[in-house]
């Protein structure tokens, strides 16, 4: 069993830290809104700290799941950042979806302190975090990944190192690119079925068993037809991720025409007041046309 710190008690981080505590690890948590950290500690029997540095003191592993590049920098760097409290030889594991650029920046800053840094963004949504069945895609040194793997396996169904620092974030971009196209395609299929006077549920029952089937279809079509868009990943966060994808595509020379188009569709959803609706709300946009 290890001494751990977990930074970020959002809808993903809180249950992930809970799985670690339940597995027998000694977990100290930090959250910018301290009430969330207090509630977690009260519910799970772990400890809380008032700064990332305090949370990281003496920890073998420090895990983070925060919001964006700036949030990640703020919990890592400075006198109160986690790096200041970490001991040489410890490992920082970042589960946030951020740019590969900030990942490499923090990888270098960590190495300067003799700390290992693994970028390990996650997929599977809130349900995946709560049920401990996340998919984790990792970048960083092989040795650091090997040491962190038994910890990450506590809340994952698959965890794989893809390559050097930044490779995990690049893989998460592939994930978001694929999801954007899949959700738009499903939305259009349900919209077409409605306009054609077909029973959407009956249509999906048939086509989901063939080549059109996907996780999005199996898990979201009913809530989409029921006009319920409060499941999982919010549109605001998806637009943040797609901005990273599109910016990186410009840097690498990749062509992402569908992703760029769907990003604008999500912008329409935000204008409808749906920034906190989940990503399947692309269907609601079509209904409103």
Protein backbone atom coordinates (compact mmCIF):
# COMPACT_ATOMS: atom_id res chain seq x y z
CA UNK A 1 0.00 0.00 0.00
CA UNK A 2 1.22 3.50 -0.85
CA UNK A 3 0.93 7.01 0.53
CA UNK A 4 -0.95 9.03 -2.09
CA UNK A 5 -2.17 12.53 -2.76
CA UNK A 6 -5.07 13.32 -5.08
CA UNK A 7 -5.58 16.88 -6.36
CA UNK A 8 -9.04 17.76 -7.68
CA UNK A 9 -12.28 16.54 -6.14
CA UNK A 10 -14.56 16.99 -9.15
CA UNK A 11 -16.96 14.43 -10.59
CA UNK A 12 -14.00 12.37 -11.81
CA UNK A 13 -11.37 12.91 -9.15
CA UNK A 14 -13.52 12.31 -6.08
CA UNK A 15 -14.61 8.77 -7.01
CA UNK A 16 -11.12 7.88 -8.30
CA UNK A 17 -9.61 8.93 -4.97
CA UNK A 18 -12.36 6.96 -3.25
CA UNK A 19 -11.35 3.77 -5.05
CA UNK A 20 -7.75 4.29 -3.93
CA UNK A 21 -8.74 4.79 -0.30
CA UNK A 22 -11.01 1.75 -0.42
CA UNK A 23 -8.15 -0.32 -1.84
CA UNK A 24 -6.15 0.39 1.30
CA UNK A 25 -3.92 3.26 0.21
CA UNK A 26 -3.47 6.25 2.50
CA UNK A 27 -4.95 9.15 0.51
CA UNK A 28 -4.73 12.87 1.21
CA UNK A 29 -6.84 15.10 -1.03
CA UNK A 30 -6.78 18.73 -2.07
CA UNK A 31 -9.39 20.85 -3.82
CA UNK A 32 -9.42 24.58 -4.48
CA UNK A 33 -12.90 24.71 -2.94
CA UNK A 34 -11.92 23.19 0.38
CA UNK A 35 -15.47 22.11 1.24
CA UNK A 36 -15.31 19.41 -1.43
CA UNK A 37 -12.08 18.05 0.05
CA UNK A 38 -13.62 18.15 3.54
CA UNK A 39 -16.70 16.28 2.35
CA UNK A 40 -14.54 13.63 0.64
CA UNK A 41 -12.39 13.13 3.74
CA UNK A 42 -15.49 12.84 5.91
CA UNK A 43 -17.10 10.30 3.58
CA UNK A 44 -14.05 8.15 2.83
CA UNK A 45 -11.96 8.38 5.96
CA UNK A 46 -8.95 9.92 4.25
CA UNK A 47 -7.16 13.20 4.97
CA UNK A 48 -7.30 16.62 3.34
CA UNK A 49 -4.73 19.37 2.95
CA UNK A 50 -5.03 23.11 2.42
CA UNK A 51 -2.42 23.29 -0.37
CA UNK A 52 -1.15 20.90 -3.04
CA UNK A 53 2.30 21.04 -1.45
CA UNK A 54 0.93 19.92 1.92
CA UNK A 55 -1.06 17.13 0.27
CA UNK A 56 2.05 15.92 -1.55
CA UNK A 57 4.37 15.82 1.48
CA UNK A 58 5.74 12.32 1.86
CA UNK A 59 3.56 10.91 -0.93
CA UNK A 60 4.88 8.15 -3.17
CA UNK A 61 2.43 9.18 -5.90
CA UNK A 62 0.52 12.40 -6.52
CA UNK A 63 -2.48 12.14 -8.83
CA UNK A 64 -4.25 15.17 -10.36
CA UNK A 65 -7.53 15.63 -12.19
CA UNK A 66 -8.25 19.33 -12.58
CA UNK A 67 -9.68 21.56 -15.32
CA UNK A 68 -7.21 22.91 -17.86
CA UNK A 69 -3.60 23.93 -18.55
CA UNK A 70 -3.62 26.86 -16.12
CA UNK A 71 -5.30 24.81 -13.38
CA UNK A 72 -2.68 22.11 -13.75
CA UNK A 73 0.18 24.61 -13.59
CA UNK A 74 -1.33 26.14 -10.45
CA UNK A 75 -1.44 22.84 -8.56
CA UNK A 76 2.06 21.82 -9.69
CA UNK A 77 4.21 24.94 -9.54
CA UNK A 78 5.11 27.62 -7.02
CA UNK A 79 5.73 27.49 -3.28
CA UNK A 80 2.34 25.89 -2.61
CA UNK A 81 2.39 23.62 -5.68
CA UNK A 82 2.69 19.86 -5.43
CA UNK A 83 6.24 19.75 -6.83
CA UNK A 84 7.44 21.81 -3.84
CA UNK A 85 6.16 19.15 -1.44
CA UNK A 86 7.19 16.04 -3.36
CA UNK A 87 10.26 14.02 -2.50
CA UNK A 88 12.88 12.94 -5.08
CA UNK A 89 11.91 9.63 -6.65
CA UNK A 90 8.16 10.18 -6.30
CA UNK A 91 5.78 10.15 -9.27
CA UNK A 92 3.23 12.75 -10.41
CA UNK A 93 0.38 11.30 -12.49
CA UNK A 94 -1.77 13.81 -14.37
CA UNK A 95 -5.26 12.63 -15.33
CA UNK A 96 -6.35 16.05 -16.64
CA UNK A 97 -6.97 16.56 -20.35
CA UNK A 98 -4.52 19.34 -21.24
CA UNK A 99 -2.23 20.31 -24.09
CA UNK A 100 0.83 18.25 -24.89
CA UNK A 101 2.83 21.49 -24.57
CA UNK A 102 2.01 22.01 -20.87
CA UNK A 103 2.61 18.30 -20.28
CA UNK A 104 6.14 18.54 -21.64
CA UNK A 105 6.75 21.77 -19.71
CA UNK A 106 5.76 20.13 -16.43
CA UNK A 107 7.61 16.92 -17.29
CA UNK A 108 10.80 18.98 -17.56
CA UNK A 109 10.07 20.93 -14.37
CA UNK A 110 9.44 17.69 -12.48
CA UNK A 111 12.61 16.05 -13.79
CA UNK A 112 14.61 19.05 -12.59
CA UNK A 113 13.43 18.14 -9.08
CA UNK A 114 14.12 14.41 -9.61
CA UNK A 115 10.37 13.76 -9.78
CA UNK A 116 8.80 11.58 -12.48
CA UNK A 117 5.81 12.91 -14.46
CA UNK A 118 3.31 10.71 -16.30
CA UNK A 119 0.57 12.21 -18.48
CA UNK A 120 -2.42 9.91 -18.11
CA UNK A 121 -5.66 11.42 -19.43
CA UNK A 122 -8.79 9.36 -18.93
CA UNK A 123 -11.90 8.37 -20.86
CA UNK A 124 -15.11 6.84 -19.60
CA UNK A 125 -16.92 9.76 -18.04
CA UNK A 126 -18.35 10.12 -14.57
CA UNK A 127 -19.86 6.63 -14.68
CA UNK A 128 -16.48 5.15 -15.58
CA UNK A 129 -14.85 6.94 -12.64
CA UNK A 130 -17.57 5.88 -10.21
CA UNK A 131 -17.43 2.25 -11.36
CA UNK A 132 -13.63 2.11 -11.58
CA UNK A 133 -13.58 1.18 -15.28
CA UNK A 134 -11.79 4.11 -16.91
CA UNK A 135 -9.59 3.89 -19.99
CA UNK A 136 -6.21 5.52 -19.35
CA UNK A 137 -3.74 6.51 -22.06
CA UNK A 138 -0.25 7.36 -20.84
CA UNK A 139 2.91 9.13 -21.86
CA UNK A 140 6.21 9.39 -20.02
CA UNK A 141 9.19 7.31 -18.98
CA UNK A 142 8.66 3.55 -18.97
CA UNK A 143 9.97 3.15 -15.44
CA UNK A 144 7.65 5.79 -13.99
CA UNK A 145 4.69 4.27 -15.83
CA UNK A 146 5.53 0.79 -14.54
CA UNK A 147 5.61 2.08 -10.96
CA UNK A 148 2.32 3.97 -11.30
CA UNK A 149 0.45 1.22 -13.16
CA UNK A 150 -0.70 -0.76 -10.08
CA UNK A 151 -2.16 2.46 -8.66
CA UNK A 152 -4.00 3.38 -11.85
CA UNK A 153 -5.32 -0.17 -12.27
CA UNK A 154 -7.46 0.39 -9.17
CA UNK A 155 -9.87 2.59 -11.16
CA UNK A 156 -9.31 1.46 -14.76
CA UNK A 157 -10.31 -1.33 -17.10
CA UNK A 158 -7.38 -0.63 -19.44
CA UNK A 159 -4.24 1.40 -18.89
CA UNK A 160 -1.55 1.56 -21.54
CA UNK A 161 1.64 3.56 -22.14
CA UNK A 162 1.56 4.92 -25.69
CA UNK A 163 4.95 6.62 -25.78
CA UNK A 164 7.12 9.40 -24.39
CA UNK A 165 5.90 12.49 -22.55
CA UNK A 166 2.85 13.99 -24.28
CA UNK A 167 1.82 10.77 -26.02
CA UNK A 168 -1.01 10.23 -23.55
CA UNK A 169 -2.44 13.67 -24.26
CA UNK A 170 -2.11 13.15 -28.01
CA UNK A 171 -4.03 9.88 -27.67
CA UNK A 172 -6.76 11.62 -25.67
CA UNK A 173 -7.08 14.06 -28.58
CA UNK A 174 -7.70 11.09 -30.88
CA UNK A 175 -10.39 9.97 -28.45
CA UNK A 176 -12.18 13.34 -28.49
CA UNK A 177 -11.90 13.61 -32.28
CA UNK A 178 -13.56 10.21 -32.66
CA UNK A 179 -16.31 11.02 -30.15
CA UNK A 180 -17.19 14.32 -31.86
CA UNK A 181 -17.86 12.62 -35.18
CA UNK A 182 -19.71 9.68 -33.60
CA UNK A 183 -22.09 11.85 -31.58
CA UNK A 184 -22.87 14.08 -34.55
CA UNK A 185 -23.54 11.02 -36.72
CA UNK A 186 -25.86 9.51 -34.10
CA UNK A 187 -27.65 12.84 -33.68
CA UNK A 188 -28.24 13.11 -37.40
CA UNK A 189 -29.50 9.51 -37.62
CA UNK A 190 -32.05 10.09 -34.82
CA UNK A 191 -33.04 13.43 -36.32
CA UNK A 192 -33.55 11.83 -39.74
CA UNK A 193 -35.61 9.02 -38.21
CA UNK A 194 -37.86 11.55 -36.51
CA UNK A 195 -38.40 13.58 -39.68
CA UNK A 196 -39.12 10.38 -41.61
CA UNK A 197 -41.80 9.38 -39.10
CA UNK A 198 -39.87 6.38 -37.77
CA UNK A 199 -39.72 5.05 -34.21
CA UNK A 200 -36.21 6.07 -33.15
CA UNK A 201 -35.96 3.35 -30.54
CA UNK A 202 -36.91 0.66 -33.02
CA UNK A 203 -34.43 2.04 -35.53
CA UNK A 204 -31.57 1.95 -33.02
CA UNK A 205 -32.52 -1.53 -31.84
CA UNK A 206 -31.84 -2.77 -35.35
CA UNK A 207 -28.91 -0.65 -36.53
CA UNK A 208 -27.00 -0.90 -33.23
CA UNK A 209 -26.51 -4.60 -33.89
CA UNK A 210 -24.78 -3.93 -37.20
CA UNK A 211 -21.88 -1.84 -38.43
CA UNK A 212 -23.41 1.40 -37.09
CA UNK A 213 -23.20 0.25 -33.48
CA UNK A 214 -21.07 2.20 -30.98
CA UNK A 215 -20.80 2.94 -27.26
CA UNK A 216 -22.44 6.30 -27.87
CA UNK A 217 -25.38 4.65 -29.60
CA UNK A 218 -25.86 1.99 -26.94
CA UNK A 219 -25.54 4.36 -23.97
CA UNK A 220 -26.97 7.68 -25.18
CA UNK A 221 -29.76 7.18 -27.71
CA UNK A 222 -32.52 6.72 -25.13
CA UNK A 223 -31.58 9.79 -23.11
CA UNK A 224 -31.29 11.79 -26.32
CA UNK A 225 -34.80 10.75 -27.38
CA UNK A 226 -36.06 11.53 -23.86
CA UNK A 227 -34.60 15.07 -24.10
CA UNK A 228 -32.31 14.37 -21.15
CA UNK A 229 -28.84 15.89 -21.47
CA UNK A 230 -27.35 15.76 -17.99
CA UNK A 231 -25.14 12.71 -18.43
CA UNK A 232 -21.39 12.77 -18.31
CA UNK A 233 -19.06 15.19 -20.06
CA UNK A 234 -20.29 18.78 -20.48
CA UNK A 235 -20.29 20.70 -23.76
CA UNK A 236 -18.10 23.45 -22.24
CA UNK A 237 -15.39 20.89 -21.46
CA UNK A 238 -15.73 19.27 -24.87
CA UNK A 239 -15.11 22.61 -26.55
CA UNK A 240 -12.02 23.08 -24.39
CA UNK A 241 -10.75 19.69 -25.54
CA UNK A 242 -11.59 20.26 -29.19
CA UNK A 243 -9.74 23.58 -29.10
CA UNK A 244 -6.65 21.65 -28.01
CA UNK A 245 -7.20 19.14 -30.83
CA UNK A 246 -7.58 21.82 -33.49
CA UNK A 247 -4.60 23.84 -32.25
CA UNK A 248 -2.42 20.74 -32.22
CA UNK A 249 -3.65 19.80 -35.70
CA UNK A 250 -2.40 23.16 -36.95
CA UNK A 251 1.00 22.44 -35.41
CA UNK A 252 1.27 18.91 -36.81
CA UNK A 253 -0.33 19.51 -40.21
CA UNK A 254 -3.26 17.16 -39.54
CA UNK A 255 -6.57 17.83 -41.31
CA UNK A 256 -9.65 17.73 -39.07
CA UNK A 257 -12.57 19.10 -41.13
CA UNK A 258 -15.31 17.16 -39.32
CA UNK A 259 -13.91 18.01 -35.90
CA UNK A 260 -13.78 21.71 -36.79
CA UNK A 261 -17.39 21.60 -37.97
CA UNK A 262 -18.66 19.75 -34.89
CA UNK A 263 -16.80 22.22 -32.67
CA UNK A 264 -18.93 24.98 -34.22
CA UNK A 265 -22.06 22.91 -33.62
CA UNK A 266 -21.12 22.71 -29.94
CA UNK A 267 -20.69 26.49 -30.01
CA UNK A 268 -24.31 26.66 -31.17
CA UNK A 269 -25.30 24.47 -28.21
CA UNK A 270 -23.54 26.89 -25.87
CA UNK A 271 -25.50 29.78 -27.41
CA UNK A 272 -28.68 27.82 -26.65
CA UNK A 273 -27.68 27.87 -22.98
CA UNK A 274 -26.41 24.31 -23.08
CA UNK A 275 -22.84 24.72 -21.90
CA UNK A 276 -23.48 22.28 -19.06
CA UNK A 277 -25.49 19.83 -21.18
CA UNK A 278 -23.60 16.67 -22.03
CA UNK A 279 -22.03 16.07 -25.43
CA UNK A 280 -25.08 14.23 -26.81
CA UNK A 281 -26.85 17.62 -26.87
CA UNK A 282 -25.87 17.90 -30.53
CA UNK A 283 -29.22 16.17 -31.08
CA UNK A 284 -31.03 18.97 -29.25
CA UNK A 285 -29.37 21.48 -31.59
CA UNK A 286 -30.82 19.64 -34.61
CA UNK A 287 -34.26 19.55 -33.00
CA UNK A 288 -34.13 23.33 -32.62
CA UNK A 289 -33.34 24.03 -36.28
